[in-house]
Amino acid sequence: DLLIVSGKAGVGKTRLALEVCSQFLETNSEYKFYCIFNRGPNIFEDLQVYFSESGNYLILVDDANRVSSFDYFSQLVYDKREGRTIKVISTVRDYAVDSIQRSASICSNFSSFFIDKLKNAQSETILRDEFGIRNSDYLHRINDIANGNPRIAVMAARVACESNQLSSLYDVSSLYETYYGSIQQDLNGIGSDWSLRVCGLICFLRILDKSNDELMNQIYTILSVDENLFWNEVSRLNALEIVDLYENEVAKISDQALSTYLFYLSVLKEKKIEFRDLLDSFFPTYKERFVDALNPVIDAFNPELIKSIIAPYIGDVWARSREEGDKRALLGLINLFWFIKPVESLMFINEEIQNLGVNPTEDLPSSAFLDALSPFSHADESNCKIAIELALDYLSRIPGDIVKVLTLFSNEYGFEHHSYLHAYGVQKAIIDSLLGRISQSDAP
């Protein structure tokens, strides 16, 4: 009598529920079908008007977590009345399913159905069967773009089929803008920059907890806004289904792909929040957030454009850290932004390796400079070779760390699925460097 369909945003809850209702009505034509969508006012009076008379009713309650009181629907199903049969199917976001299930528990005949996001294997089956895409590079790239969202996967597949070029999937900004165009219109319709600025910070920090006074005060300072105005804006975004708001205390963007797009839009494209402010306020304390926010954006949008936008700000922090002799901050910058200043990063690492055992750095193990070479397996050929030579220089000074060097080469510079696309250049460079060292050695 009552079915709850739950899952994350974008997995297709509403689409599935509509299909279930359509098929049910084909064989049960005596039922009258109604869809319920939250428009603000209390629903109680409407339920009395529409469903008090005898008859068979099938009711779809979309996004039950946004309906003023789901208890009314549970009560409607619970109140058995002669001559009246009511069935309810409800969709609900995963974070709110517990409260909806508690409400539904008064009904003796209710069930729940969870929809997980699309798994890679499922996505690949659709791409092969419906679009004829069998190339593993295309399949992997589309999965990276879609992140379990079936509609984005289909849109990306159409782009790939039309162009027949893998390069067409490198910059998918137009695809995201098409898919999320209605959300951008909603944000523009509000007529305020606040919404996009609030979105940008939530995207960056992933989750905002109102009770975290220290973090929230930093946010209020960045935006020059008071607490009430900020959370009122969050509530408006929640009403637009852009932000999920838990118990009016915790906020997050409703899905990862949307978060990627909104961070790009608010921070990098329209610059409603200056990237400099994020660096000044959250680096290095929240350095993982820079990775989580930037990597998907660089992967989905024009990487060279993104790099050109953030490079001046990274340069300022680099110069300041160099002047202050803050080696920990410099290592943090290298780990996150090595691709912005690859030459300067390698020069700094070289200086520290040459000084090993001469001027030890307090609170920094020597292996920290070896670890900083990890990302350079993805650098261009010249810088990758320099990084390999620096790792061997490190080993010549600290032979006891041979396992660490081997682990670095194996895990970061070893063979990968796509190594053949680069003619195994990284692996050949390691072998050439080792052979060069052997030929220069006095050992037999």
Protein backbone atom coordinates (compact mmCIF):
# COMPACT_ATOMS: atom_id res chain seq x y z
CA ASP A 1 0.00 0.00 0.00
CA LEU A 2 2.94 2.34 0.62
CA LEU A 3 6.26 2.11 -1.24
CA ILE A 4 9.27 4.30 -0.47
CA VAL A 5 11.87 4.69 -3.24
CA SER A 6 15.11 6.18 -1.91
CA GLY A 7 18.54 7.07 -3.28
CA LYS A 8 20.92 9.94 -3.96
CA ALA A 9 20.10 12.87 -6.23
CA GLY A 10 20.19 12.06 -9.92
CA VAL A 11 19.91 8.27 -9.72
CA GLY A 12 16.44 8.24 -11.32
CA LYS A 13 14.02 7.83 -8.39
CA THR A 14 11.25 9.95 -9.93
CA ARG A 15 11.68 8.41 -13.37
CA LEU A 16 11.41 4.89 -11.96
CA ALA A 17 8.41 5.80 -9.80
CA LEU A 18 6.57 7.29 -12.80
CA GLU A 19 7.25 4.14 -14.83
CA VAL A 20 5.96 1.94 -11.99
CA CYS A 21 2.78 4.03 -11.78
CA SER A 22 2.31 3.89 -15.55
CA GLN A 23 2.58 0.12 -15.68
CA PHE A 24 0.33 -0.30 -12.64
CA LEU A 25 -2.38 1.84 -14.25
CA GLU A 26 -2.28 -0.21 -17.45
CA THR A 27 -3.66 -3.22 -15.56
CA ASN A 28 -5.60 -1.30 -12.88
CA SER A 29 -7.51 1.30 -14.84
CA GLU A 30 -10.02 1.85 -12.04
CA TYR A 31 -7.39 3.83 -10.11
CA LYS A 32 -7.21 7.63 -10.28
CA PHE A 33 -3.63 8.85 -10.40
CA TYR A 34 -2.34 11.98 -8.64
CA CYS A 35 1.16 13.46 -8.31
CA ILE A 36 1.98 15.49 -5.22
CA PHE A 37 4.71 18.11 -5.34
CA ASN A 38 5.58 20.54 -2.57
CA ARG A 39 4.47 24.11 -3.26
CA GLY A 40 4.75 25.41 0.26
CA PRO A 41 1.30 25.42 1.90
CA ASN A 42 0.21 22.71 4.30
CA ILE A 43 -1.11 19.68 2.41
CA PHE A 44 -3.71 18.54 4.93
CA GLU A 45 -6.72 20.40 3.48
CA ASP A 46 -5.91 19.29 -0.07
CA LEU A 47 -5.83 15.66 1.03
CA GLN A 48 -9.28 16.01 2.57
CA VAL A 49 -10.68 17.57 -0.60
CA TYR A 50 -9.21 15.15 -3.11
CA PHE A 51 -9.25 11.80 -1.29
CA SER A 52 -12.17 11.83 1.13
CA GLU A 53 -14.68 10.25 -1.29
CA SER A 54 -14.90 6.57 -2.21
CA GLY A 55 -12.72 5.30 -5.03
CA ASN A 56 -9.31 3.85 -5.83
CA TYR A 57 -6.39 6.25 -5.70
CA LEU A 58 -2.74 5.93 -6.67
CA ILE A 59 -0.66 8.81 -5.30
CA LEU A 60 2.95 9.67 -6.19
CA VAL A 61 4.63 11.87 -3.59
CA ASP A 62 7.80 13.22 -5.18
CA ASP A 63 10.65 14.17 -2.81
CA ALA A 64 8.81 13.31 0.40
CA ASN A 65 11.59 14.95 2.39
CA ARG A 66 10.37 18.31 1.03
CA VAL A 67 6.66 17.79 1.65
CA SER A 68 5.36 19.72 4.66
CA SER A 69 4.24 16.60 6.52
CA PHE A 70 4.53 13.08 5.17
CA ASP A 71 2.64 11.85 8.24
CA TYR A 72 -0.60 12.87 6.52
CA PHE A 73 0.02 10.39 3.70
CA SER A 74 0.91 7.60 6.11
CA GLN A 75 -2.30 8.32 8.00
CA LEU A 76 -4.26 8.35 4.74
CA VAL A 77 -3.05 4.83 3.93
CA TYR A 78 -3.52 3.68 7.53
CA ASP A 79 -7.16 4.83 7.76
CA LYS A 80 -8.94 1.99 6.00
CA ARG A 81 -12.39 3.03 4.78
CA GLU A 82 -15.01 0.96 3.02
CA GLY A 83 -15.21 1.81 -0.66
CA ARG A 84 -11.85 3.61 -0.68
CA THR A 85 -8.44 2.14 -1.55
CA ILE A 86 -5.32 4.26 -1.43
CA LYS A 87 -1.83 3.33 -2.60
CA VAL A 88 1.13 5.68 -2.20
CA ILE A 89 4.55 5.56 -3.84
CA SER A 90 7.04 8.09 -2.55
CA THR A 91 10.53 9.18 -3.59
CA VAL A 92 12.94 10.46 -0.98
CA ARG A 93 16.61 11.46 -0.81
CA ASP A 94 18.81 8.94 0.96
CA TYR A 95 19.69 11.23 3.86
CA ALA A 96 16.01 11.63 4.86
CA VAL A 97 14.76 8.08 4.35
CA ASP A 98 14.89 7.14 8.05
CA SER A 99 12.37 9.78 9.11
CA ILE A 100 10.03 8.88 6.22
CA GLN A 101 10.23 5.19 7.13
CA ARG A 102 9.40 6.00 10.75
CA SER A 103 6.33 7.86 9.56
CA ALA A 104 5.33 4.96 7.29
CA SER A 105 5.78 2.36 10.01
CA ILE A 106 2.17 2.84 11.20
CA CYS A 107 1.08 1.10 7.97
CA SER A 108 1.01 -2.68 8.10
CA ASN A 109 1.82 -3.04 4.42
CA PHE A 110 4.70 -0.81 3.39
CA SER A 111 8.04 -1.48 1.76
CA SER A 112 11.25 0.37 0.82
CA PHE A 113 13.33 0.20 -2.33
CA PHE A 114 16.83 1.71 -2.55
CA ILE A 115 18.38 2.81 -5.88
CA ASP A 116 22.16 3.00 -5.84
CA LYS A 117 24.05 5.17 -8.28
CA LEU A 118 24.97 3.49 -11.56
CA LYS A 119 27.93 1.13 -11.20
CA ASN A 120 30.64 1.29 -13.85
CA ALA A 121 29.77 -2.17 -15.17
CA GLN A 122 26.11 -1.19 -15.54
CA SER A 123 27.03 2.06 -17.27
CA GLU A 124 29.34 0.22 -19.65
CA THR A 125 26.55 -2.24 -20.53
CA ILE A 126 24.28 0.68 -21.50
CA LEU A 127 27.06 2.34 -23.49
CA ARG A 128 27.82 -0.85 -25.40
CA ASP A 129 24.23 -1.97 -26.01
CA GLU A 130 22.62 1.39 -26.76
CA PHE A 131 25.48 3.33 -28.36
CA GLY A 132 27.86 0.66 -29.64
CA ILE A 133 30.76 2.08 -27.61
CA ARG A 134 33.26 -0.70 -26.88
CA ASN A 135 36.59 1.09 -26.70
CA SER A 136 37.79 0.84 -23.08
CA ASP A 137 39.28 4.36 -23.13
CA TYR A 138 35.91 5.85 -24.07
CA LEU A 139 34.11 3.71 -21.48
CA HIS A 140 36.47 4.73 -18.67
CA ARG A 141 36.34 8.41 -19.60
CA ILE A 142 32.54 8.50 -19.71
CA ASN A 143 32.37 6.78 -16.33
CA ASP A 144 34.72 9.41 -14.89
CA ILE A 145 32.52 12.20 -16.25
CA ALA A 146 29.18 10.70 -15.18
CA ASN A 147 30.18 9.52 -11.70
CA GLY A 148 27.20 7.16 -11.60
CA ASN A 149 24.69 9.61 -13.10
CA PRO A 150 22.93 7.79 -15.98
CA ARG A 151 21.72 10.91 -17.75
CA ILE A 152 25.18 12.48 -17.87
CA ALA A 153 26.56 9.14 -19.11
CA VAL A 154 24.04 9.14 -21.97
CA MET A 155 24.79 12.77 -22.85
CA ALA A 156 28.54 12.06 -22.89
CA ALA A 157 27.94 8.98 -25.05
CA ARG A 158 26.08 11.08 -27.61
CA VAL A 159 28.96 13.57 -27.74
CA ALA A 160 31.43 10.72 -28.25
CA CYS A 161 29.36 9.13 -31.02
CA GLU A 162 28.86 12.43 -32.86
CA SER A 163 32.54 13.38 -32.81
CA ASN A 164 34.13 9.92 -32.84
CA GLN A 165 37.05 11.56 -31.04
CA LEU A 166 38.19 10.78 -27.50
CA SER A 167 39.40 14.38 -27.25
CA SER A 168 35.75 15.52 -27.36
CA LEU A 169 35.39 14.16 -23.83
CA TYR A 170 38.34 16.09 -22.37
CA ASP A 171 36.47 19.38 -21.91
CA VAL A 172 32.83 18.70 -21.10
CA SER A 173 31.92 22.18 -19.89
CA SER A 174 29.21 22.52 -22.55
CA LEU A 175 27.75 19.16 -21.51
CA TYR A 176 27.58 20.21 -17.85
CA GLU A 177 26.13 23.59 -18.76
CA THR A 178 23.41 21.89 -20.82
CA TYR A 179 22.60 19.36 -18.12
CA TYR A 180 22.63 21.88 -15.26
CA GLY A 181 21.27 24.83 -17.27
CA SER A 182 17.99 24.89 -15.34
CA ILE A 183 19.89 25.14 -12.05
CA GLN A 184 21.91 28.08 -13.33
CA GLN A 185 18.62 29.73 -14.39
CA ASP A 186 17.22 29.16 -10.90
CA LEU A 187 20.30 30.77 -9.36
CA ASN A 188 20.11 33.72 -11.75
CA GLY A 189 16.39 34.03 -11.02
CA ILE A 190 17.11 34.67 -7.36
CA GLY A 191 18.82 37.86 -8.49
CA SER A 192 21.61 37.72 -5.93
CA ASP A 193 25.28 36.80 -5.99
CA TRP A 194 24.92 35.34 -2.52
CA SER A 195 23.48 32.06 -3.68
CA LEU A 196 26.36 31.24 -5.99
CA ARG A 197 28.90 32.36 -3.39
CA VAL A 198 27.30 30.16 -0.75
CA CYS A 199 27.23 27.27 -3.24
CA GLY A 200 30.94 27.73 -3.96
CA LEU A 201 31.92 27.43 -0.31
CA ILE A 202 29.71 24.39 0.28
CA CYS A 203 31.19 22.75 -2.83
CA PHE A 204 34.70 23.45 -1.59
CA LEU A 205 34.19 22.26 1.98
CA ARG A 206 31.75 19.49 0.95
CA ILE A 207 29.85 19.57 4.25
CA LEU A 208 29.04 22.57 6.44
CA ASP A 209 28.11 22.01 10.07
CA LYS A 210 26.47 25.00 11.70
CA SER A 211 27.79 23.93 15.11
CA ASN A 212 31.44 24.20 13.95
CA ASP A 213 31.88 27.77 15.15
CA GLU A 214 35.51 28.16 14.10
CA LEU A 215 34.93 27.08 10.50
CA MET A 216 31.63 28.95 10.15
CA ASN A 217 33.17 32.17 11.44
CA GLN A 218 35.86 31.87 8.75
CA ILE A 219 33.12 31.51 6.14
CA TYR A 220 31.15 34.49 7.44
CA THR A 221 34.36 36.54 7.26
CA ILE A 222 35.14 35.50 3.68
CA LEU A 223 31.63 36.40 2.53
CA SER A 224 31.29 39.43 4.82
CA VAL A 225 27.90 38.12 5.89
CA ASP A 226 26.20 37.41 9.19
CA GLU A 227 25.05 33.98 10.30
CA ASN A 228 21.32 34.51 9.72
CA LEU A 229 21.74 35.78 6.17
CA PHE A 230 24.03 32.88 5.30
CA TRP A 231 21.70 30.16 6.57
CA ASN A 232 18.66 31.86 5.05
CA GLU A 233 20.46 31.56 1.72
CA VAL A 234 21.17 27.89 2.43
CA SER A 235 17.46 27.36 3.07
CA ARG A 236 16.61 28.96 -0.28
CA LEU A 237 19.08 26.67 -2.01
CA ASN A 238 17.53 23.73 -0.21
CA ALA A 239 14.10 24.72 -1.54
CA LEU A 240 15.60 24.72 -5.05
CA GLU A 241 16.94 21.19 -4.44
CA ILE A 242 20.51 22.38 -4.99
CA VAL A 243 21.57 21.92 -1.37
CA ASP A 244 20.54 19.16 1.00
CA LEU A 245 19.90 20.54 4.49
CA TYR A 246 19.89 18.11 7.41
CA GLU A 247 17.93 19.16 10.51
CA ASN A 248 18.62 22.82 9.59
CA GLU A 249 22.17 22.29 10.84
CA VAL A 250 24.24 20.50 8.17
CA ALA A 251 24.40 21.41 4.48
CA LYS A 252 25.90 19.70 1.44
CA ILE A 253 25.47 19.84 -2.35
CA SER A 254 23.00 17.20 -3.49
CA ASP A 255 25.34 15.29 -5.84
CA GLN A 256 29.04 15.18 -6.75
CA ALA A 257 28.72 16.11 -10.43
CA LEU A 258 26.62 19.15 -9.52
CA SER A 259 29.19 20.11 -6.89
CA THR A 260 31.94 19.98 -9.52
CA TYR A 261 29.96 22.23 -11.85
CA LEU A 262 28.97 24.76 -9.18
CA PHE A 263 32.54 25.06 -7.87
CA TYR A 264 33.74 25.71 -11.42
CA LEU A 265 30.95 28.24 -11.99
CA SER A 266 31.24 30.16 -8.71
CA VAL A 267 35.01 30.16 -8.11
CA LEU A 268 36.71 29.75 -11.48
CA LYS A 269 34.34 31.01 -14.18
CA GLU A 270 32.34 33.83 -12.61
CA LYS A 271 34.73 34.33 -9.66
CA LYS A 272 32.03 35.10 -7.13
CA ILE A 273 34.57 33.78 -4.63
CA GLU A 274 38.23 34.59 -5.15
CA PHE A 275 40.48 31.53 -5.21
CA ARG A 276 42.96 33.68 -3.28
CA ASP A 277 40.48 33.87 -0.38
CA LEU A 278 40.23 30.08 -0.27
CA LEU A 279 44.03 29.76 -0.17
CA ASP A 280 44.45 32.43 2.49
CA SER A 281 41.72 30.97 4.68
CA PHE A 282 41.99 27.21 4.24
CA PHE A 283 45.52 26.30 3.14
CA PRO A 284 47.17 24.20 4.45
CA THR A 285 44.65 23.27 7.19
CA TYR A 286 42.09 22.00 4.68
CA LYS A 287 44.52 21.02 1.91
CA GLU A 288 42.56 17.82 1.13
CA ARG A 289 39.59 19.99 0.19
CA PHE A 290 41.64 21.63 -2.56
CA VAL A 291 42.34 18.18 -4.00
CA ASP A 292 38.69 17.11 -3.76
CA ALA A 293 37.42 20.34 -5.31
CA LEU A 294 40.02 20.94 -8.04
CA ASN A 295 40.76 17.46 -9.39
CA PRO A 296 37.23 16.81 -10.72
CA VAL A 297 37.09 20.32 -12.19
CA ILE A 298 40.45 19.96 -13.97
CA ASP A 299 39.34 16.55 -15.19
CA ALA A 300 35.99 17.78 -16.54
CA PHE A 301 36.78 21.25 -17.87
CA ASN A 302 39.57 22.88 -19.87
CA PRO A 303 42.63 22.04 -17.72
CA GLU A 304 44.87 24.72 -19.22
CA LEU A 305 42.25 27.38 -18.53
CA ILE A 306 41.86 26.23 -14.92
CA LYS A 307 45.62 26.28 -14.43
CA SER A 308 45.92 29.78 -15.86
CA ILE A 309 43.24 31.03 -13.45
CA ILE A 310 44.78 29.67 -10.26
CA ALA A 311 48.47 30.05 -11.19
CA PRO A 312 48.90 33.70 -10.03
CA TYR A 313 47.46 32.90 -6.60
CA ILE A 314 49.64 29.82 -6.20
CA GLY A 315 52.63 31.93 -7.22
CA ASP A 316 51.92 34.47 -4.48
CA VAL A 317 51.70 31.80 -1.77
CA TRP A 318 54.83 30.10 -3.13
CA ALA A 319 56.83 33.36 -3.03
CA ARG A 320 55.66 34.13 0.49
CA SER A 321 56.49 30.64 1.76
CA ARG A 322 59.92 30.79 0.08
CA GLU A 323 60.65 34.14 1.70
CA GLU A 324 59.59 32.86 5.12
CA GLY A 325 61.52 29.60 4.69
CA ASP A 326 58.35 27.61 5.39
CA LYS A 327 59.36 24.23 3.97
CA ARG A 328 56.23 22.51 5.22
CA ALA A 329 54.03 24.96 3.31
CA LEU A 330 56.19 24.54 0.19
CA LEU A 331 55.83 20.76 0.35
CA GLY A 332 52.09 21.19 0.75
CA LEU A 333 51.99 23.38 -2.35
CA ILE A 334 54.04 20.85 -4.31
CA ASN A 335 51.78 17.98 -3.30
CA LEU A 336 48.69 19.90 -4.41
CA PHE A 337 49.87 22.22 -7.17
CA TRP A 338 53.07 20.71 -8.58
CA PHE A 339 51.65 21.16 -12.10
CA ILE A 340 51.51 24.95 -11.63
CA LYS A 341 55.21 25.36 -10.79
CA PRO A 342 56.90 22.10 -11.84
CA VAL A 343 60.39 23.54 -12.44
CA GLU A 344 60.47 25.54 -9.19
CA SER A 345 59.15 22.51 -7.30
CA LEU A 346 61.89 20.24 -8.62
CA MET A 347 64.54 22.87 -7.90
CA PHE A 348 63.34 23.12 -4.29
CA ILE A 349 63.31 19.32 -3.86
CA ASN A 350 66.82 19.14 -5.39
CA GLU A 351 68.12 21.73 -2.91
CA GLU A 352 66.71 19.79 0.02
CA ILE A 353 68.06 16.44 -1.22
CA GLN A 354 71.55 17.94 -1.73
CA ASN A 355 71.40 19.25 1.84
CA LEU A 356 70.28 15.98 3.43
CA GLY A 357 72.37 15.31 6.49
CA VAL A 358 73.80 18.85 6.41
CA ASN A 359 70.89 21.08 7.44
CA PRO A 360 68.14 18.81 8.79
CA THR A 361 64.65 20.28 8.73
CA GLU A 362 62.90 20.27 12.08
CA ASP A 363 59.73 18.16 12.26
CA LEU A 364 60.11 17.10 8.60
CA PRO A 365 61.43 13.60 7.87
CA SER A 366 63.85 13.40 4.96
CA SER A 367 61.45 11.04 3.19
CA ALA A 368 58.99 13.94 2.87
CA PHE A 369 61.10 15.27 -0.01
CA LEU A 370 61.08 11.84 -1.64
CA ASP A 371 57.29 11.66 -1.29
CA ALA A 372 57.04 15.06 -2.99
CA LEU A 373 58.29 13.41 -6.19
CA SER A 374 55.23 11.16 -6.41
CA PRO A 375 53.04 13.35 -8.68
CA PHE A 376 55.82 13.95 -11.21
CA SER A 377 55.14 10.58 -12.81
CA HIS A 378 52.36 12.56 -14.56
CA ALA A 379 54.67 15.42 -15.62
CA ASP A 380 56.03 15.97 -19.11
CA GLU A 381 58.94 13.80 -20.26
CA SER A 382 61.69 16.22 -19.23
CA ASN A 383 60.42 16.90 -15.70
CA CYS A 384 59.54 13.24 -15.17
CA LYS A 385 63.15 12.25 -15.94
CA ILE A 386 64.45 14.92 -13.55
CA ALA A 387 62.19 13.56 -10.78
CA ILE A 388 63.52 10.04 -11.35
CA GLU A 389 67.11 11.28 -11.13
CA LEU A 390 66.29 13.15 -7.91
CA ALA A 391 64.83 9.97 -6.40
CA LEU A 392 68.10 8.16 -7.21
CA ASP A 393 70.10 11.10 -5.78
CA TYR A 394 68.07 10.71 -2.61
CA LEU A 395 68.89 7.00 -2.50
CA SER A 396 72.61 7.67 -2.93
CA ARG A 397 72.49 9.84 0.21
CA ILE A 398 70.18 7.61 2.26
CA PRO A 399 70.75 4.01 1.06
CA GLY A 400 68.72 2.69 3.97
CA ASP A 401 65.57 4.05 2.30
CA ILE A 402 65.89 1.76 -0.72
CA VAL A 403 62.49 0.19 0.04
CA LYS A 404 60.88 3.64 0.02
CA VAL A 405 62.43 4.45 -3.35
CA LEU A 406 61.37 1.09 -4.77
CA THR A 407 57.86 1.66 -3.46
CA LEU A 408 57.78 5.12 -5.08
CA PHE A 409 58.87 3.70 -8.45
CA SER A 410 56.52 0.73 -8.23
CA ASN A 411 53.39 2.55 -7.05
CA GLU A 412 53.74 5.91 -8.79
CA TYR A 413 56.01 5.29 -11.78
CA GLY A 414 55.11 1.67 -12.52
CA PHE A 415 53.09 0.17 -15.34
CA GLU A 416 49.46 1.28 -15.64
CA HIS A 417 46.63 0.40 -17.97
CA HIS A 418 47.25 3.47 -20.11
CA SER A 419 51.07 3.33 -20.13
CA TYR A 420 51.07 2.12 -23.72
CA LEU A 421 49.48 5.40 -24.82
CA HIS A 422 52.74 7.12 -23.83
CA ALA A 423 54.96 4.38 -25.33
CA TYR A 424 55.95 3.32 -21.79
CA GLY A 425 58.04 6.50 -21.57
CA VAL A 426 58.04 6.69 -17.76
CA GLN A 427 59.10 3.08 -17.31
CA LYS A 428 61.81 3.38 -19.98
CA ALA A 429 63.12 6.53 -18.24
CA ILE A 430 63.54 4.62 -14.97
CA ILE A 431 65.43 1.80 -16.71
CA ASP A 432 67.65 4.30 -18.59
CA SER A 433 68.45 6.15 -15.35
CA LEU A 434 69.33 2.94 -13.53
CA LEU A 435 71.52 1.73 -16.41
CA GLY A 436 73.24 5.12 -16.47
CA ARG A 437 74.00 4.91 -12.77
CA ILE A 438 75.30 1.37 -13.11
CA SER A 439 77.63 2.33 -15.96
CA GLN A 440 79.07 5.16 -13.84
CA SER A 441 79.56 2.92 -10.83
CA ASP A 442 82.89 1.45 -9.82
CA ALA A 443 81.15 -1.71 -8.68
CA PRO A 444 81.94 -4.87 -10.73
